[in-house]
N, C-alpha and C. Protein backbone atom coordinates (compact mmCIF):
# COMPACT_ATOMS: atom_id res chain seq x y z
N MET A 1 95.70 88.34 97.81
CA MET A 1 95.86 89.79 97.79
C MET A 1 95.53 90.29 96.38
N SER A 2 94.63 91.22 96.30
CA SER A 2 94.22 91.70 94.98
C SER A 2 95.26 92.67 94.42
N SER A 3 95.15 92.90 93.12
CA SER A 3 96.12 93.78 92.47
C SER A 3 95.96 95.23 92.92
N LEU A 4 94.74 95.62 93.31
CA LEU A 4 94.52 96.99 93.78
C LEU A 4 95.23 97.23 95.11
N SER A 5 95.10 96.29 96.03
CA SER A 5 95.76 96.48 97.32
C SER A 5 97.28 96.37 97.19
N LEU A 6 97.75 95.55 96.25
CA LEU A 6 99.18 95.44 96.01
C LEU A 6 99.74 96.73 95.42
N SER A 7 99.01 97.33 94.47
CA SER A 7 99.47 98.59 93.90
C SER A 7 99.39 99.71 94.93
N GLY A 8 98.38 99.69 95.78
CA GLY A 8 98.30 100.68 96.84
C GLY A 8 99.45 100.56 97.81
N PHE A 9 99.84 99.32 98.12
CA PHE A 9 100.99 99.11 99.00
C PHE A 9 102.28 99.59 98.35
N VAL A 10 102.43 99.37 97.06
CA VAL A 10 103.64 99.82 96.34
C VAL A 10 103.73 101.34 96.36
N PHE A 11 102.62 102.02 96.10
CA PHE A 11 102.64 103.48 96.11
C PHE A 11 102.84 104.03 97.52
N PHE A 12 102.30 103.34 98.53
CA PHE A 12 102.53 103.74 99.91
C PHE A 12 104.01 103.60 100.27
N MET A 13 104.64 102.52 99.83
CA MET A 13 106.06 102.33 100.10
C MET A 13 106.91 103.36 99.34
N MET A 14 106.45 103.78 98.16
CA MET A 14 107.17 104.83 97.44
C MET A 14 107.13 106.14 98.23
N VAL A 15 105.98 106.46 98.77
CA VAL A 15 105.85 107.70 99.55
C VAL A 15 106.70 107.60 100.82
N MET A 16 106.68 106.45 101.48
CA MET A 16 107.46 106.30 102.71
C MET A 16 108.96 106.34 102.44
N SER A 17 109.41 105.75 101.33
CA SER A 17 110.84 105.81 101.03
C SER A 17 111.25 107.22 100.61
N GLY A 18 110.37 107.95 99.93
CA GLY A 18 110.64 109.35 99.63
C GLY A 18 110.73 110.19 100.89
N LEU A 19 109.86 109.92 101.85
CA LEU A 19 109.92 110.64 103.12
C LEU A 19 111.19 110.32 103.89
N SER A 20 111.63 109.06 103.84
CA SER A 20 112.86 108.71 104.55
C SER A 20 114.07 109.39 103.91
N VAL A 21 114.10 109.50 102.58
CA VAL A 21 115.18 110.23 101.92
C VAL A 21 115.10 111.70 102.29
N TYR A 22 113.91 112.24 102.33
CA TYR A 22 113.71 113.65 102.68
C TYR A 22 114.17 113.94 104.10
N ILE A 23 113.96 113.00 105.02
CA ILE A 23 114.31 113.22 106.42
C ILE A 23 115.78 112.96 106.69
N PHE A 24 116.31 111.85 106.17
CA PHE A 24 117.65 111.43 106.56
C PHE A 24 118.76 111.95 105.65
N LYS A 25 118.47 112.39 104.46
CA LYS A 25 119.49 112.90 103.55
C LYS A 25 119.29 114.39 103.30
N TYR A 26 119.23 115.15 104.36
CA TYR A 26 118.86 116.56 104.27
C TYR A 26 120.05 117.48 104.05
N LYS A 27 121.27 116.98 103.96
CA LYS A 27 122.42 117.86 103.84
C LYS A 27 122.58 118.46 102.45
N HIS A 28 122.12 117.76 101.43
CA HIS A 28 122.22 118.25 100.06
C HIS A 28 120.83 118.66 99.56
N LEU A 29 120.77 119.76 98.86
CA LEU A 29 119.51 120.21 98.29
C LEU A 29 119.02 119.27 97.20
N LEU A 30 119.94 118.69 96.43
CA LEU A 30 119.54 117.77 95.37
C LEU A 30 118.88 116.52 95.94
N ASN A 31 119.38 115.99 97.05
CA ASN A 31 118.75 114.83 97.68
C ASN A 31 117.35 115.15 98.19
N VAL A 32 117.18 116.34 98.73
CA VAL A 32 115.86 116.76 99.21
C VAL A 32 114.88 116.86 98.05
N LEU A 33 115.34 117.44 96.94
CA LEU A 33 114.47 117.58 95.77
C LEU A 33 114.11 116.22 95.18
N LEU A 34 115.06 115.30 95.15
CA LEU A 34 114.76 113.96 94.65
C LEU A 34 113.76 113.24 95.55
N GLY A 35 113.90 113.41 96.86
CA GLY A 35 112.94 112.83 97.79
C GLY A 35 111.54 113.39 97.59
N LEU A 36 111.45 114.71 97.39
CA LEU A 36 110.14 115.33 97.14
C LEU A 36 109.51 114.84 95.85
N GLU A 37 110.33 114.69 94.80
CA GLU A 37 109.79 114.20 93.54
C GLU A 37 109.34 112.75 93.64
N PHE A 38 110.04 111.94 94.44
CA PHE A 38 109.63 110.55 94.63
C PHE A 38 108.32 110.48 95.42
N ILE A 39 108.15 111.38 96.37
CA ILE A 39 106.88 111.46 97.11
C ILE A 39 105.75 111.83 96.15
N MET A 40 106.01 112.82 95.30
CA MET A 40 104.99 113.24 94.34
C MET A 40 104.65 112.13 93.35
N LEU A 41 105.64 111.35 92.95
CA LEU A 41 105.39 110.24 92.04
C LEU A 41 104.52 109.17 92.70
N GLY A 42 104.78 108.88 93.97
CA GLY A 42 103.97 107.91 94.70
C GLY A 42 102.54 108.38 94.90
N VAL A 43 102.38 109.66 95.24
CA VAL A 43 101.03 110.21 95.42
C VAL A 43 100.29 110.24 94.09
N PHE A 44 100.99 110.58 93.01
CA PHE A 44 100.36 110.59 91.69
C PHE A 44 99.90 109.19 91.29
N GLY A 45 100.72 108.19 91.53
CA GLY A 45 100.32 106.82 91.20
C GLY A 45 99.14 106.37 92.04
N GLY A 46 99.17 106.68 93.33
CA GLY A 46 98.05 106.31 94.20
C GLY A 46 96.76 107.01 93.80
N LEU A 47 96.85 108.28 93.45
CA LEU A 47 95.65 109.01 93.01
C LEU A 47 95.10 108.46 91.71
N SER A 48 95.98 108.17 90.78
CA SER A 48 95.50 107.68 89.48
C SER A 48 94.86 106.31 89.61
N VAL A 49 95.42 105.45 90.44
CA VAL A 49 94.82 104.12 90.63
C VAL A 49 93.50 104.23 91.38
N SER A 50 93.48 105.00 92.46
CA SER A 50 92.25 105.08 93.25
C SER A 50 91.13 105.79 92.51
N LEU A 51 91.44 106.82 91.74
CA LEU A 51 90.38 107.50 91.00
C LEU A 51 89.92 106.72 89.78
N SER A 52 90.77 105.87 89.22
CA SER A 52 90.32 105.05 88.10
C SER A 52 89.42 103.92 88.57
N VAL A 53 89.60 103.47 89.81
CA VAL A 53 88.76 102.40 90.33
C VAL A 53 87.34 102.89 90.58
N VAL A 54 87.19 104.09 91.09
CA VAL A 54 85.86 104.61 91.39
C VAL A 54 85.26 105.39 90.23
N SER A 55 85.94 105.40 89.10
CA SER A 55 85.45 106.02 87.86
C SER A 55 85.14 107.50 88.00
N LEU A 56 86.01 108.22 88.67
CA LEU A 56 85.85 109.66 88.78
C LEU A 56 86.64 110.34 87.67
N GLU A 57 86.41 111.62 87.54
CA GLU A 57 87.14 112.39 86.54
C GLU A 57 88.63 112.41 86.89
N VAL A 58 89.45 112.39 85.88
CA VAL A 58 90.89 112.38 86.10
C VAL A 58 91.50 113.77 85.95
N TYR A 59 90.66 114.80 85.90
CA TYR A 59 91.18 116.15 85.78
C TYR A 59 91.96 116.58 87.01
N PHE A 60 91.56 116.07 88.17
CA PHE A 60 92.30 116.38 89.39
C PHE A 60 93.70 115.79 89.33
N VAL A 61 93.84 114.59 88.77
CA VAL A 61 95.15 113.96 88.64
C VAL A 61 96.01 114.76 87.66
N MET A 62 95.41 115.26 86.59
CA MET A 62 96.16 116.10 85.65
C MET A 62 96.63 117.38 86.31
N PHE A 63 95.76 118.01 87.09
CA PHE A 63 96.13 119.22 87.80
C PHE A 63 97.25 118.95 88.80
N PHE A 64 97.18 117.82 89.50
CA PHE A 64 98.23 117.44 90.44
C PHE A 64 99.55 117.22 89.71
N LEU A 65 99.52 116.60 88.55
CA LEU A 65 100.73 116.36 87.77
C LEU A 65 101.34 117.67 87.29
N VAL A 66 100.52 118.62 86.90
CA VAL A 66 101.01 119.94 86.48
C VAL A 66 101.67 120.65 87.65
N MET A 67 101.05 120.60 88.83
CA MET A 67 101.64 121.25 90.00
C MET A 67 102.94 120.58 90.42
N ALA A 68 103.03 119.25 90.30
CA ALA A 68 104.26 118.54 90.63
C ALA A 68 105.38 118.91 89.65
N ALA A 69 105.05 119.07 88.39
CA ALA A 69 106.05 119.48 87.40
C ALA A 69 106.53 120.90 87.66
N CYS A 70 105.61 121.79 88.04
CA CYS A 70 106.01 123.17 88.38
C CYS A 70 106.89 123.19 89.62
N GLU A 71 106.59 122.35 90.59
CA GLU A 71 107.41 122.27 91.80
C GLU A 71 108.80 121.76 91.47
N GLY A 72 108.91 120.79 90.58
CA GLY A 72 110.21 120.28 90.18
C GLY A 72 111.03 121.30 89.43
N ALA A 73 110.38 122.05 88.54
CA ALA A 73 111.10 123.08 87.79
C ALA A 73 111.57 124.21 88.70
N LEU A 74 110.74 124.60 89.65
CA LEU A 74 111.13 125.64 90.60
C LEU A 74 112.28 125.16 91.48
N GLY A 75 112.23 123.92 91.92
CA GLY A 75 113.31 123.38 92.74
C GLY A 75 114.62 123.30 91.99
N LEU A 76 114.58 122.88 90.73
CA LEU A 76 115.80 122.82 89.94
C LEU A 76 116.37 124.20 89.66
N SER A 77 115.51 125.18 89.43
CA SER A 77 116.01 126.53 89.20
C SER A 77 116.65 127.10 90.46
N LEU A 78 116.08 126.81 91.63
CA LEU A 78 116.70 127.23 92.88
C LEU A 78 118.02 126.51 93.11
N LEU A 79 118.09 125.24 92.74
CA LEU A 79 119.33 124.49 92.88
C LEU A 79 120.44 125.08 92.02
N VAL A 80 120.13 125.41 90.77
CA VAL A 80 121.11 126.02 89.88
C VAL A 80 121.55 127.37 90.41
N SER A 81 120.62 128.16 90.91
CA SER A 81 120.96 129.48 91.45
C SER A 81 121.86 129.37 92.67
N ILE A 82 121.57 128.43 93.55
CA ILE A 82 122.39 128.26 94.75
C ILE A 82 123.77 127.73 94.40
N VAL A 83 123.86 126.80 93.47
CA VAL A 83 125.17 126.26 93.08
C VAL A 83 126.01 127.34 92.41
N ARG A 84 125.40 128.19 91.61
CA ARG A 84 126.15 129.27 90.97
C ARG A 84 126.61 130.32 91.97
N SER A 85 125.83 130.60 92.98
CA SER A 85 126.22 131.65 93.92
C SER A 85 127.13 131.14 95.03
N HIS A 86 126.93 129.90 95.49
CA HIS A 86 127.69 129.39 96.63
C HIS A 86 128.71 128.32 96.25
N GLY A 87 128.61 127.72 95.09
CA GLY A 87 129.58 126.73 94.65
C GLY A 87 129.23 125.30 95.00
N ASN A 88 128.24 125.06 95.86
CA ASN A 88 127.81 123.69 96.19
C ASN A 88 126.35 123.74 96.63
N ASP A 89 125.82 122.55 96.94
CA ASP A 89 124.42 122.49 97.35
C ASP A 89 124.26 122.02 98.79
N TYR A 90 125.28 122.23 99.62
CA TYR A 90 125.17 121.91 101.03
C TYR A 90 124.30 122.95 101.73
N PHE A 91 123.41 122.47 102.61
CA PHE A 91 122.61 123.41 103.38
C PHE A 91 123.46 124.12 104.44
N SER A 92 124.56 123.49 104.86
CA SER A 92 125.40 124.09 105.89
C SER A 92 126.15 125.32 105.36
N SER A 93 126.37 125.40 104.05
CA SER A 93 127.09 126.55 103.51
C SER A 93 126.18 127.76 103.29
N LEU A 94 124.88 127.56 103.37
CA LEU A 94 123.94 128.67 103.22
C LEU A 94 123.83 129.42 104.54
N SER A 95 123.93 130.70 104.49
CA SER A 95 123.84 131.51 105.69
C SER A 95 122.88 132.66 105.42
N VAL A 96 122.16 133.05 106.43
CA VAL A 96 121.21 134.15 106.31
C VAL A 96 121.96 135.47 106.20
N LEU A 97 123.13 135.56 106.82
CA LEU A 97 123.86 136.81 106.88
C LEU A 97 124.62 137.12 105.60
N SER A 98 124.95 136.10 104.80
CA SER A 98 125.71 136.37 103.56
C SER A 98 124.76 136.63 102.42
N CYS A 99 125.21 137.44 101.49
CA CYS A 99 124.37 137.78 100.34
C CYS A 99 124.84 137.03 99.11
């Protein structure tokens, strides 16, 4: 097994474990955000390895990393806002009818 296919398998397993956290640990907003960030980390690693093998420009990987960082910052700011207004990060305590 070559190192490229091994690294591809590792990044694929990172994405799959992030998806499983995203699906099965959905009660807390923090768990959902951590799952999303783990998915982004796996996709970033897979993109960087695959684009370095074919010798393409890495500007797309940089753009993806910037978007993932913006997504993380937005998620954390929403988490802080929800915890300050509702007192916890349970999705069950959020209601459409309450302000």
